[in-house]
């Protein structure tokens, strides 16, 4: 039992992040300009860094390009299906449920793949999670990473652009029972 005790805290942390990602991925999300800018910047920096590290193995650029194209296709589909809703505390957005699930499955699948790879590795202690060159050694992992990166960069850019077009003075309409009903726009 003691061998598994040192895994408890990382497992709890990973489960917490999976819960938060699931909660943020499915359903209406509050349109927060600062959070979107931070995420856009983070994904852009990570994408550029891993793309530049790929010069060590130029053949892997095929995986990168396929991932970028697939992520752009997923992002354009998400943009087409995005709905905005005004509530009392601000604007919320949501895209199609299946797109949200696909992004979540890619995210979780990538985590499960890495955990399985590390667990089955003959020397898991040599694995450094902060080593970004791990993404450049496996074109499949890099391709999935670039699907996620290009999707989020495209989708967050769209949300930031649309956020400036949404009318902040729009009032929430009220029903006769004094409960507010949200206004939905495309």
N, C-alpha and C. Protein backbone atom coordinates (compact mmCIF):
# COMPACT_ATOMS: atom_id res chain seq x y z
N UNK A 1 0.82 -1.20 0.00
CA UNK A 1 0.00 0.00 0.00
C UNK A 1 0.86 1.26 0.00
N UNK A 2 2.01 1.17 0.65
CA UNK A 2 2.87 2.33 0.74
C UNK A 2 3.42 2.74 -0.63
N UNK A 3 3.56 1.79 -1.56
CA UNK A 3 4.05 2.11 -2.89
C UNK A 3 3.09 3.03 -3.64
N UNK A 4 1.79 2.89 -3.38
CA UNK A 4 0.79 3.70 -4.06
C UNK A 4 0.51 5.01 -3.35
N UNK A 5 0.96 5.16 -2.13
CA UNK A 5 0.66 6.36 -1.34
C UNK A 5 1.26 7.62 -1.97
N UNK A 6 2.44 7.51 -2.55
CA UNK A 6 3.06 8.69 -3.14
C UNK A 6 2.41 9.10 -4.47
N UNK A 7 1.51 8.25 -5.00
CA UNK A 7 0.76 8.60 -6.20
C UNK A 7 -0.55 9.31 -5.89
N UNK A 8 -0.97 9.31 -4.64
CA UNK A 8 -2.29 9.83 -4.27
C UNK A 8 -2.43 11.32 -4.59
N UNK A 9 -1.46 12.11 -4.18
CA UNK A 9 -1.56 13.57 -4.41
C UNK A 9 -1.55 13.90 -5.90
N UNK A 10 -0.63 13.35 -6.71
CA UNK A 10 -0.70 13.65 -8.15
C UNK A 10 -2.00 13.19 -8.80
N UNK A 11 -2.53 12.04 -8.37
CA UNK A 11 -3.78 11.56 -8.94
C UNK A 11 -4.93 12.49 -8.59
N UNK A 12 -4.97 12.97 -7.35
CA UNK A 12 -6.01 13.91 -6.93
C UNK A 12 -5.90 15.21 -7.72
N UNK A 13 -4.68 15.70 -7.93
CA UNK A 13 -4.47 16.94 -8.68
C UNK A 13 -4.91 16.76 -10.13
N UNK A 14 -4.52 15.66 -10.75
CA UNK A 14 -4.91 15.39 -12.14
C UNK A 14 -6.43 15.27 -12.25
N UNK A 15 -7.05 14.58 -11.31
CA UNK A 15 -8.53 14.44 -11.33
C UNK A 15 -9.20 15.80 -11.17
N UNK A 16 -8.63 16.66 -10.34
CA UNK A 16 -9.19 18.01 -10.17
C UNK A 16 -9.09 18.79 -11.47
N UNK A 17 -7.95 18.72 -12.16
CA UNK A 17 -7.80 19.42 -13.43
C UNK A 17 -8.73 18.86 -14.50
N UNK A 18 -8.93 17.54 -14.50
CA UNK A 18 -9.85 16.94 -15.45
C UNK A 18 -11.27 17.41 -15.17
N UNK A 19 -11.65 17.47 -13.90
CA UNK A 19 -12.98 17.96 -13.52
C UNK A 19 -13.17 19.41 -13.98
N UNK A 20 -12.18 20.26 -13.71
CA UNK A 20 -12.29 21.67 -14.12
C UNK A 20 -12.36 21.81 -15.63
N UNK A 21 -11.56 21.04 -16.35
CA UNK A 21 -11.56 21.11 -17.82
C UNK A 21 -12.91 20.65 -18.36
N UNK A 22 -13.48 19.60 -17.78
CA UNK A 22 -14.79 19.11 -18.21
C UNK A 22 -15.85 20.17 -17.94
N UNK A 23 -15.80 20.78 -16.78
CA UNK A 23 -16.77 21.81 -16.43
C UNK A 23 -16.65 23.02 -17.36
N UNK A 24 -15.41 23.37 -17.72
CA UNK A 24 -15.21 24.52 -18.60
C UNK A 24 -15.52 24.21 -20.06
N UNK A 25 -15.45 22.96 -20.44
CA UNK A 25 -15.62 22.60 -21.84
C UNK A 25 -17.08 22.43 -22.22
N UNK A 26 -17.87 21.85 -21.35
CA UNK A 26 -19.25 21.53 -21.70
C UNK A 26 -20.19 22.53 -21.05
N UNK A 27 -21.03 23.14 -21.86
CA UNK A 27 -22.01 24.10 -21.36
C UNK A 27 -21.60 25.53 -21.64
N UNK A 28 -22.44 26.46 -21.19
CA UNK A 28 -22.16 27.88 -21.39
C UNK A 28 -21.01 28.32 -20.50
N UNK A 29 -20.12 29.12 -21.08
CA UNK A 29 -18.96 29.66 -20.37
C UNK A 29 -19.04 31.18 -20.37
N UNK A 30 -18.66 31.77 -19.27
CA UNK A 30 -18.68 33.23 -19.19
C UNK A 30 -17.60 33.80 -20.10
N UNK A 31 -17.97 34.82 -20.84
CA UNK A 31 -17.05 35.48 -21.77
C UNK A 31 -16.20 36.46 -20.98
N UNK A 32 -15.01 36.04 -20.59
CA UNK A 32 -14.09 36.85 -19.80
C UNK A 32 -12.90 37.22 -20.68
N UNK A 33 -12.81 38.49 -21.04
CA UNK A 33 -11.80 38.96 -21.98
C UNK A 33 -10.37 38.68 -21.48
N UNK A 34 -10.11 38.95 -20.22
CA UNK A 34 -8.77 38.73 -19.67
C UNK A 34 -8.35 37.27 -19.71
N UNK A 35 -9.25 36.38 -19.35
CA UNK A 35 -8.96 34.94 -19.37
C UNK A 35 -8.71 34.47 -20.80
N UNK A 36 -9.52 34.97 -21.74
CA UNK A 36 -9.33 34.57 -23.14
C UNK A 36 -7.99 35.05 -23.69
N UNK A 37 -7.60 36.29 -23.34
CA UNK A 37 -6.31 36.81 -23.80
C UNK A 37 -5.16 36.01 -23.22
N UNK A 38 -5.26 35.66 -21.94
CA UNK A 38 -4.21 34.87 -21.30
C UNK A 38 -4.08 33.51 -21.98
N UNK A 39 -5.19 32.83 -22.21
CA UNK A 39 -5.16 31.51 -22.84
C UNK A 39 -4.65 31.59 -24.27
N UNK A 40 -5.07 32.62 -25.00
CA UNK A 40 -4.61 32.80 -26.37
C UNK A 40 -3.09 32.99 -26.39
N UNK A 41 -2.58 33.81 -25.50
CA UNK A 41 -1.14 34.04 -25.42
C UNK A 41 -0.40 32.77 -25.03
N UNK A 42 -0.92 32.05 -24.05
CA UNK A 42 -0.28 30.82 -23.59
C UNK A 42 -0.22 29.78 -24.70
N UNK A 43 -1.33 29.54 -25.39
CA UNK A 43 -1.34 28.55 -26.47
C UNK A 43 -0.44 28.99 -27.62
N UNK A 44 -0.40 30.28 -27.90
CA UNK A 44 0.46 30.77 -28.98
C UNK A 44 1.93 30.55 -28.66
N UNK A 45 2.33 30.87 -27.43
CA UNK A 45 3.73 30.69 -27.03
C UNK A 45 4.12 29.21 -27.04
N UNK A 46 3.27 28.36 -26.47
CA UNK A 46 3.56 26.92 -26.47
C UNK A 46 3.63 26.36 -27.89
N UNK A 47 2.70 26.76 -28.73
CA UNK A 47 2.70 26.29 -30.11
C UNK A 47 3.95 26.70 -30.87
N UNK A 48 4.34 27.95 -30.72
CA UNK A 48 5.54 28.44 -31.41
C UNK A 48 6.78 27.73 -30.87
N UNK A 49 6.86 27.57 -29.55
CA UNK A 49 8.04 26.91 -28.95
C UNK A 49 8.17 25.48 -29.46
N UNK A 50 7.10 24.73 -29.45
CA UNK A 50 7.18 23.34 -29.89
C UNK A 50 7.41 23.26 -31.39
N UNK A 51 6.83 24.18 -32.16
CA UNK A 51 7.06 24.20 -33.59
C UNK A 51 8.54 24.45 -33.88
N UNK A 52 9.16 25.39 -33.15
CA UNK A 52 10.57 25.68 -33.36
C UNK A 52 11.46 24.54 -32.90
N UNK A 53 11.06 23.84 -31.83
CA UNK A 53 11.83 22.68 -31.38
C UNK A 53 11.76 21.54 -32.39
N UNK A 54 10.79 21.59 -33.27
CA UNK A 54 10.62 20.55 -34.28
C UNK A 54 11.68 20.56 -35.36
N UNK A 55 12.50 21.59 -35.43
CA UNK A 55 13.55 21.62 -36.43
C UNK A 55 14.59 20.53 -36.20
N UNK A 56 14.60 19.96 -34.98
CA UNK A 56 15.50 18.85 -34.69
C UNK A 56 15.10 17.63 -35.52
N UNK A 57 13.81 17.43 -35.70
CA UNK A 57 13.27 16.31 -36.48
C UNK A 57 12.31 16.85 -37.54
N UNK A 58 12.83 17.35 -38.66
CA UNK A 58 11.97 17.99 -39.67
C UNK A 58 10.87 17.09 -40.24
N UNK A 59 11.04 15.77 -40.21
CA UNK A 59 10.02 14.88 -40.75
C UNK A 59 8.73 14.97 -39.93
N UNK A 60 8.85 15.38 -38.69
CA UNK A 60 7.67 15.48 -37.82
C UNK A 60 6.79 16.67 -38.17
N UNK A 61 7.27 17.55 -39.04
CA UNK A 61 6.44 18.68 -39.47
C UNK A 61 5.18 18.21 -40.18
N UNK A 62 5.20 17.00 -40.73
CA UNK A 62 3.99 16.46 -41.35
C UNK A 62 2.90 16.31 -40.30
N UNK A 63 3.27 15.75 -39.13
CA UNK A 63 2.31 15.63 -38.02
C UNK A 63 1.84 16.98 -37.54
N UNK A 64 2.76 17.95 -37.50
CA UNK A 64 2.40 19.30 -37.07
C UNK A 64 1.38 19.90 -38.03
N UNK A 65 1.66 19.80 -39.33
CA UNK A 65 0.77 20.41 -40.32
C UNK A 65 -0.60 19.73 -40.35
N UNK A 66 -0.63 18.41 -40.21
CA UNK A 66 -1.91 17.71 -40.15
C UNK A 66 -2.69 18.16 -38.91
N UNK A 67 -2.00 18.28 -37.78
CA UNK A 67 -2.64 18.75 -36.55
C UNK A 67 -3.16 20.17 -36.69
N UNK A 68 -2.36 21.04 -37.30
CA UNK A 68 -2.81 22.42 -37.50
C UNK A 68 -4.04 22.49 -38.39
N UNK A 69 -4.04 21.70 -39.46
CA UNK A 69 -5.19 21.70 -40.37
C UNK A 69 -6.43 21.13 -39.70
N UNK A 70 -6.27 20.02 -38.97
CA UNK A 70 -7.42 19.43 -38.28
C UNK A 70 -7.96 20.36 -37.20
N UNK A 71 -7.08 21.02 -36.47
CA UNK A 71 -7.51 21.97 -35.45
C UNK A 71 -8.22 23.17 -36.06
N UNK A 72 -7.72 23.63 -37.21
CA UNK A 72 -8.39 24.76 -37.88
C UNK A 72 -9.78 24.34 -38.36
N UNK A 73 -9.91 23.13 -38.88
CA UNK A 73 -11.23 22.64 -39.29
C UNK A 73 -12.17 22.53 -38.11
N UNK A 74 -11.68 22.02 -37.01
CA UNK A 74 -12.50 21.91 -35.80
C UNK A 74 -12.87 23.29 -35.28
N UNK A 75 -11.93 24.22 -35.33
CA UNK A 75 -12.19 25.59 -34.89
C UNK A 75 -13.22 26.30 -35.75
N UNK A 76 -13.13 26.13 -37.07
CA UNK A 76 -14.11 26.76 -37.96
C UNK A 76 -15.50 26.18 -37.76
N UNK A 77 -15.57 24.87 -37.50
CA UNK A 77 -16.86 24.26 -37.20
C UNK A 77 -17.40 24.79 -35.88
N UNK A 78 -16.54 24.94 -34.90
CA UNK A 78 -16.97 25.49 -33.60
C UNK A 78 -17.47 26.92 -33.75
N UNK A 79 -16.79 27.71 -34.57
CA UNK A 79 -17.21 29.10 -34.79
C UNK A 79 -18.59 29.15 -35.42
N UNK A 80 -18.84 28.27 -36.37
CA UNK A 80 -20.15 28.24 -37.03
C UNK A 80 -21.28 27.91 -36.07
N UNK A 81 -20.98 27.13 -35.04
CA UNK A 81 -22.02 26.68 -34.11
C UNK A 81 -22.02 27.42 -32.78
N UNK A 82 -21.22 28.46 -32.65
CA UNK A 82 -21.14 29.17 -31.39
C UNK A 82 -22.37 30.04 -31.18
N UNK A 83 -22.88 30.01 -29.98
CA UNK A 83 -24.03 30.82 -29.58
C UNK A 83 -23.61 31.70 -28.40
N UNK A 84 -24.10 32.90 -28.39
CA UNK A 84 -23.85 33.83 -27.29
C UNK A 84 -25.16 34.06 -26.55
N UNK A 85 -25.05 34.22 -25.25
CA UNK A 85 -26.24 34.43 -24.44
C UNK A 85 -25.95 35.51 -23.41
N UNK A 86 -26.84 36.48 -23.33
CA UNK A 86 -26.67 37.55 -22.36
C UNK A 86 -27.46 37.20 -21.11
N UNK A 87 -26.76 37.24 -19.99
CA UNK A 87 -27.39 37.00 -18.69
C UNK A 87 -27.18 38.23 -17.83
N UNK A 88 -27.72 38.20 -16.65
CA UNK A 88 -27.62 39.35 -15.76
C UNK A 88 -26.18 39.73 -15.44
N UNK A 89 -25.29 38.76 -15.37
CA UNK A 89 -23.90 39.06 -15.01
C UNK A 89 -22.97 39.13 -16.21
N UNK A 90 -23.48 39.15 -17.43
CA UNK A 90 -22.63 39.32 -18.60
C UNK A 90 -22.97 38.35 -19.72
N UNK A 91 -22.05 38.29 -20.69
CA UNK A 91 -22.23 37.43 -21.85
C UNK A 91 -21.61 36.07 -21.61
N UNK A 92 -22.27 35.05 -22.16
CA UNK A 92 -21.80 33.67 -22.10
C UNK A 92 -21.76 33.13 -23.52
N UNK A 93 -20.90 32.13 -23.74
CA UNK A 93 -20.80 31.52 -25.06
C UNK A 93 -20.83 30.00 -24.93
N UNK A 94 -21.24 29.37 -26.02
CA UNK A 94 -21.26 27.91 -26.09
C UNK A 94 -21.20 27.51 -27.55
N UNK A 95 -20.46 26.46 -27.82
CA UNK A 95 -20.42 25.90 -29.16
C UNK A 95 -21.19 24.58 -29.15
N UNK A 96 -21.16 23.88 -30.24
CA UNK A 96 -21.90 22.63 -30.38
C UNK A 96 -21.37 21.59 -29.37
N UNK A 97 -22.26 20.80 -28.79
CA UNK A 97 -21.91 19.82 -27.76
C UNK A 97 -20.88 18.82 -28.26
N UNK A 98 -21.02 18.33 -29.50
CA UNK A 98 -20.09 17.32 -30.00
C UNK A 98 -18.69 17.89 -30.23
N UNK A 99 -18.60 19.15 -30.56
CA UNK A 99 -17.28 19.77 -30.70
C UNK A 99 -16.64 19.89 -29.32
N UNK A 100 -17.42 20.28 -28.33
CA UNK A 100 -16.91 20.37 -26.97
C UNK A 100 -16.42 19.00 -26.49
N UNK A 101 -17.18 17.96 -26.79
CA UNK A 101 -16.79 16.61 -26.38
C UNK A 101 -15.54 16.16 -27.12
N UNK A 102 -15.44 16.49 -28.42
CA UNK A 102 -14.25 16.10 -29.19
C UNK A 102 -12.99 16.74 -28.63
N UNK A 103 -13.06 18.01 -28.26
CA UNK A 103 -11.90 18.69 -27.68
C UNK A 103 -11.56 18.07 -26.33
N UNK A 104 -12.57 17.75 -25.54
CA UNK A 104 -12.34 17.12 -24.24
C UNK A 104 -11.71 15.73 -24.40
N UNK A 105 -12.18 14.96 -25.37
CA UNK A 105 -11.62 13.62 -25.61
C UNK A 105 -10.16 13.73 -26.06
N UNK A 106 -9.85 14.70 -26.92
CA UNK A 106 -8.46 14.91 -27.32
C UNK A 106 -7.59 15.24 -26.12
N UNK A 107 -8.07 16.13 -25.27
CA UNK A 107 -7.32 16.54 -24.09
C UNK A 107 -7.11 15.35 -23.15
N UNK A 108 -8.18 14.63 -22.83
CA UNK A 108 -8.08 13.49 -21.92
C UNK A 108 -7.28 12.34 -22.55
N UNK A 109 -7.48 12.12 -23.84
CA UNK A 109 -6.74 11.07 -24.52
C UNK A 109 -5.24 11.32 -24.50
N UNK A 110 -4.87 12.56 -24.65
CA UNK A 110 -3.45 12.92 -24.61
C UNK A 110 -2.88 12.67 -23.21
N UNK A 111 -3.64 13.01 -22.17
CA UNK A 111 -3.18 12.76 -20.80
C UNK A 111 -3.04 11.26 -20.55
N UNK A 112 -4.05 10.50 -20.93
CA UNK A 112 -4.01 9.05 -20.72
C UNK A 112 -2.85 8.42 -21.48
N UNK A 113 -2.63 8.87 -22.70
CA UNK A 113 -1.53 8.35 -23.50
C UNK A 113 -0.19 8.61 -22.82
N UNK A 114 0.02 9.84 -22.31
CA UNK A 114 1.29 10.17 -21.67
C UNK A 114 1.47 9.39 -20.37
N UNK A 115 0.39 9.24 -19.58
CA UNK A 115 0.49 8.49 -18.33
C UNK A 115 0.82 7.03 -18.64
N UNK A 116 0.17 6.45 -19.63
CA UNK A 116 0.45 5.06 -20.01
C UNK A 116 1.87 4.92 -20.52
N UNK A 117 2.33 5.88 -21.30
CA UNK A 117 3.68 5.84 -21.84
C UNK A 117 4.71 5.90 -20.71
N UNK A 118 4.49 6.76 -19.74
CA UNK A 118 5.42 6.88 -18.61
C UNK A 118 5.35 5.64 -17.74
N UNK A 119 4.13 5.12 -17.50
CA UNK A 119 3.98 3.93 -16.66
C UNK A 119 4.63 2.70 -17.28
N UNK A 120 4.59 2.59 -18.60
CA UNK A 120 5.15 1.42 -19.28
C UNK A 120 6.62 1.61 -19.65
N UNK A 121 7.15 2.79 -19.38
CA UNK A 121 8.54 3.07 -19.70
C UNK A 121 9.46 2.27 -18.77
N UNK A 122 10.58 1.76 -19.29
CA UNK A 122 11.49 0.99 -18.43
C UNK A 122 12.12 1.84 -17.33
N UNK A 123 12.24 3.16 -17.57
CA UNK A 123 12.83 4.05 -16.57
C UNK A 123 11.97 5.30 -16.46
N UNK A 124 10.81 5.23 -15.77
CA UNK A 124 9.92 6.39 -15.70
C UNK A 124 10.51 7.57 -14.95
N UNK A 125 11.52 7.34 -14.12
CA UNK A 125 12.13 8.44 -13.38
C UNK A 125 12.87 9.39 -14.32
N UNK A 126 13.26 8.90 -15.50
CA UNK A 126 13.99 9.74 -16.45
C UNK A 126 13.08 10.67 -17.24
N UNK A 127 11.76 10.48 -17.12
CA UNK A 127 10.81 11.33 -17.83
C UNK A 127 10.68 12.67 -17.12
N UNK A 128 10.90 13.74 -17.85
CA UNK A 128 10.78 15.08 -17.29
C UNK A 128 9.54 15.73 -17.89
N UNK A 129 8.48 15.99 -17.09
CA UNK A 129 7.26 16.56 -17.66
C UNK A 129 7.45 17.97 -18.20
N UNK A 130 8.49 18.67 -17.78
CA UNK A 130 8.71 20.03 -18.26
C UNK A 130 9.54 20.06 -19.54
N UNK A 131 9.99 18.91 -20.01
CA UNK A 131 10.81 18.83 -21.21
C UNK A 131 9.92 18.89 -22.46
N UNK A 132 9.90 20.05 -23.12
CA UNK A 132 9.04 20.23 -24.29
C UNK A 132 9.51 19.44 -25.51
N UNK A 133 10.76 18.97 -25.50
CA UNK A 133 11.22 18.21 -26.66
C UNK A 133 10.54 16.84 -26.75
N UNK A 134 9.86 16.41 -25.67
CA UNK A 134 9.11 15.16 -25.74
C UNK A 134 8.03 15.24 -26.82
N UNK A 135 7.48 16.44 -27.04
CA UNK A 135 6.44 16.61 -28.05
C UNK A 135 6.99 16.52 -29.46
N UNK A 136 8.29 16.78 -29.62
CA UNK A 136 8.87 16.75 -30.96
C UNK A 136 9.39 15.36 -31.32
N UNK A 137 9.42 14.44 -30.37
CA UNK A 137 9.93 13.10 -30.64
C UNK A 137 8.85 12.17 -31.18
N UNK A 138 7.61 12.47 -30.91
CA UNK A 138 6.50 11.62 -31.34
C UNK A 138 5.56 12.45 -32.21
N UNK A 139 5.48 12.16 -33.51
CA UNK A 139 4.64 12.99 -34.38
C UNK A 139 3.15 12.88 -34.06
N UNK A 140 2.70 11.77 -33.50
CA UNK A 140 1.28 11.64 -33.15
C UNK A 140 0.94 12.57 -31.98
N UNK A 141 1.78 12.54 -30.95
CA UNK A 141 1.56 13.43 -29.81
C UNK A 141 1.62 14.89 -30.25
N UNK A 142 2.59 15.21 -31.08
CA UNK A 142 2.71 16.58 -31.57
C UNK A 142 1.52 16.96 -32.44
N UNK A 143 1.05 16.03 -33.26
CA UNK A 143 -0.12 16.30 -34.09
C UNK A 143 -1.36 16.59 -33.26
N UNK A 144 -1.59 15.78 -32.23
CA UNK A 144 -2.74 16.01 -31.33
C UNK A 144 -2.57 17.33 -30.60
N UNK A 145 -1.35 17.61 -30.16
CA UNK A 145 -1.09 18.88 -29.49
C UNK A 145 -1.41 20.06 -30.41
N UNK A 146 -1.02 19.96 -31.68
CA UNK A 146 -1.29 21.06 -32.60
C UNK A 146 -2.76 21.15 -33.00
N UNK A 147 -3.50 20.05 -32.94
CA UNK A 147 -4.95 20.14 -33.12
C UNK A 147 -5.53 21.02 -32.03
N UNK A 148 -5.15 20.75 -30.79
CA UNK A 148 -5.66 21.50 -29.65
C UNK A 148 -5.21 22.96 -29.72
N UNK A 149 -3.92 23.18 -30.04
CA UNK A 149 -3.39 24.54 -30.10
C UNK A 149 -4.08 25.36 -31.19
N UNK A 150 -4.17 24.82 -32.39
CA UNK A 150 -4.77 25.60 -33.48
C UNK A 150 -6.26 25.82 -33.23
N UNK A 151 -6.94 24.83 -32.66
CA UNK A 151 -8.36 25.00 -32.33
C UNK A 151 -8.54 26.15 -31.36
N UNK A 152 -7.79 26.13 -30.25
CA UNK A 152 -7.97 27.16 -29.23
C UNK A 152 -7.53 28.54 -29.71
N UNK A 153 -6.45 28.62 -30.47
CA UNK A 153 -6.01 29.93 -30.98
C UNK A 153 -7.08 30.52 -31.89
N UNK A 154 -7.61 29.71 -32.80
CA UNK A 154 -8.65 30.19 -33.71
C UNK A 154 -9.93 30.54 -32.97
N UNK A 155 -10.36 29.67 -32.07
CA UNK A 155 -11.62 29.88 -31.37
C UNK A 155 -11.53 31.06 -30.39
N UNK A 156 -10.45 31.16 -29.64
CA UNK A 156 -10.31 32.28 -28.70
C UNK A 156 -10.17 33.61 -29.44
N UNK A 157 -9.49 33.62 -30.58
CA UNK A 157 -9.41 34.85 -31.38
C UNK A 157 -10.80 35.28 -31.85
N UNK A 158 -11.58 34.31 -32.27
CA UNK A 158 -12.97 34.60 -32.68
C UNK A 158 -13.77 35.16 -31.52
N UNK A 159 -13.66 34.55 -30.35
CA UNK A 159 -14.42 35.02 -29.18
C UNK A 159 -14.02 36.44 -28.80
N UNK A 160 -12.73 36.72 -28.85
CA UNK A 160 -12.28 38.09 -28.53
C UNK A 160 -12.80 39.10 -29.55
N UNK A 161 -12.81 38.71 -30.82
CA UNK A 161 -13.32 39.60 -31.86
C UNK A 161 -14.82 39.83 -31.68
N UNK A 162 -15.56 38.76 -31.38
CA UNK A 162 -17.01 38.88 -31.20
C UNK A 162 -17.35 39.63 -29.92
N UNK A 163 -16.50 39.51 -28.91
CA UNK A 163 -16.76 40.19 -27.64
C UNK A 163 -16.83 41.70 -27.83
N UNK A 164 -16.02 42.22 -28.74
CA UNK A 164 -16.06 43.66 -28.99
C UNK A 164 -17.32 44.08 -29.72
N UNK A 165 -17.97 43.14 -30.44
CA UNK A 165 -19.19 43.45 -31.18
C UNK A 165 -20.45 43.33 -30.33
N UNK A 166 -20.38 42.57 -29.24
CA UNK A 166 -21.55 42.37 -28.40
C UNK A 166 -21.86 43.66 -27.64
N UNK A 167 -23.12 43.98 -27.56
CA UNK A 167 -23.56 45.20 -26.91
C UNK A 167 -23.59 45.02 -25.40
N UNK A 168 -22.71 45.72 -24.68
CA UNK A 168 -22.68 45.55 -23.23
C UNK A 168 -23.89 46.15 -22.52
N UNK A 169 -24.66 46.98 -23.21
CA UNK A 169 -25.81 47.63 -22.57
C UNK A 169 -27.10 46.87 -22.79
N UNK A 170 -27.02 45.69 -23.44
CA UNK A 170 -28.22 44.91 -23.69
C UNK A 170 -28.83 44.50 -22.36
N UNK A 171 -30.08 44.76 -22.20
CA UNK A 171 -30.79 44.39 -20.99
C UNK A 171 -31.33 42.98 -21.12
N UNK A 172 -31.34 42.26 -20.02
CA UNK A 172 -31.92 40.93 -20.01
C UNK A 172 -33.42 41.09 -19.90
N UNK A 173 -34.15 40.43 -20.81
CA UNK A 173 -35.60 40.55 -20.77
C UNK A 173 -36.15 39.75 -19.59
N UNK A 174 -37.23 40.21 -19.02
CA UNK A 174 -37.82 39.55 -17.86
C UNK A 174 -39.13 38.89 -18.25
N UNK A 175 -39.40 37.76 -17.60
CA UNK A 175 -40.68 37.11 -17.82
C UNK A 175 -41.68 37.67 -16.84
N UNK A 176 -42.92 37.28 -16.97
CA UNK A 176 -43.96 37.83 -16.10
C UNK A 176 -43.78 37.42 -14.64
N UNK A 177 -43.04 36.33 -14.38
CA UNK A 177 -42.84 35.91 -13.00
C UNK A 177 -41.57 36.49 -12.40
N UNK A 178 -41.06 37.54 -13.01
CA UNK A 178 -39.87 38.28 -12.58
C UNK A 178 -38.59 37.43 -12.59
N UNK A 179 -38.59 36.33 -13.29
CA UNK A 179 -37.38 35.57 -13.51
C UNK A 179 -36.78 36.04 -14.82
N UNK A 180 -35.47 36.14 -14.85
CA UNK A 180 -34.85 36.63 -16.08
C UNK A 180 -34.64 35.47 -17.03
N UNK A 181 -34.93 35.73 -18.28
CA UNK A 181 -34.66 34.74 -19.32
C UNK A 181 -33.52 35.26 -20.18
N UNK A 182 -32.56 34.41 -20.51
CA UNK A 182 -31.41 34.87 -21.27
C UNK A 182 -31.76 35.17 -22.73
N UNK A 183 -31.01 36.11 -23.29
CA UNK A 183 -31.13 36.42 -24.71
C UNK A 183 -30.01 35.68 -25.43
N UNK A 184 -30.38 34.94 -26.45
CA UNK A 184 -29.39 34.18 -27.21
C UNK A 184 -29.24 34.80 -28.58
N UNK A 185 -27.98 34.96 -28.99
CA UNK A 185 -27.68 35.47 -30.33
C UNK A 185 -26.65 34.57 -30.98
N UNK A 186 -26.59 34.63 -32.28
CA UNK A 186 -25.60 33.87 -33.03
C UNK A 186 -24.40 34.75 -33.22
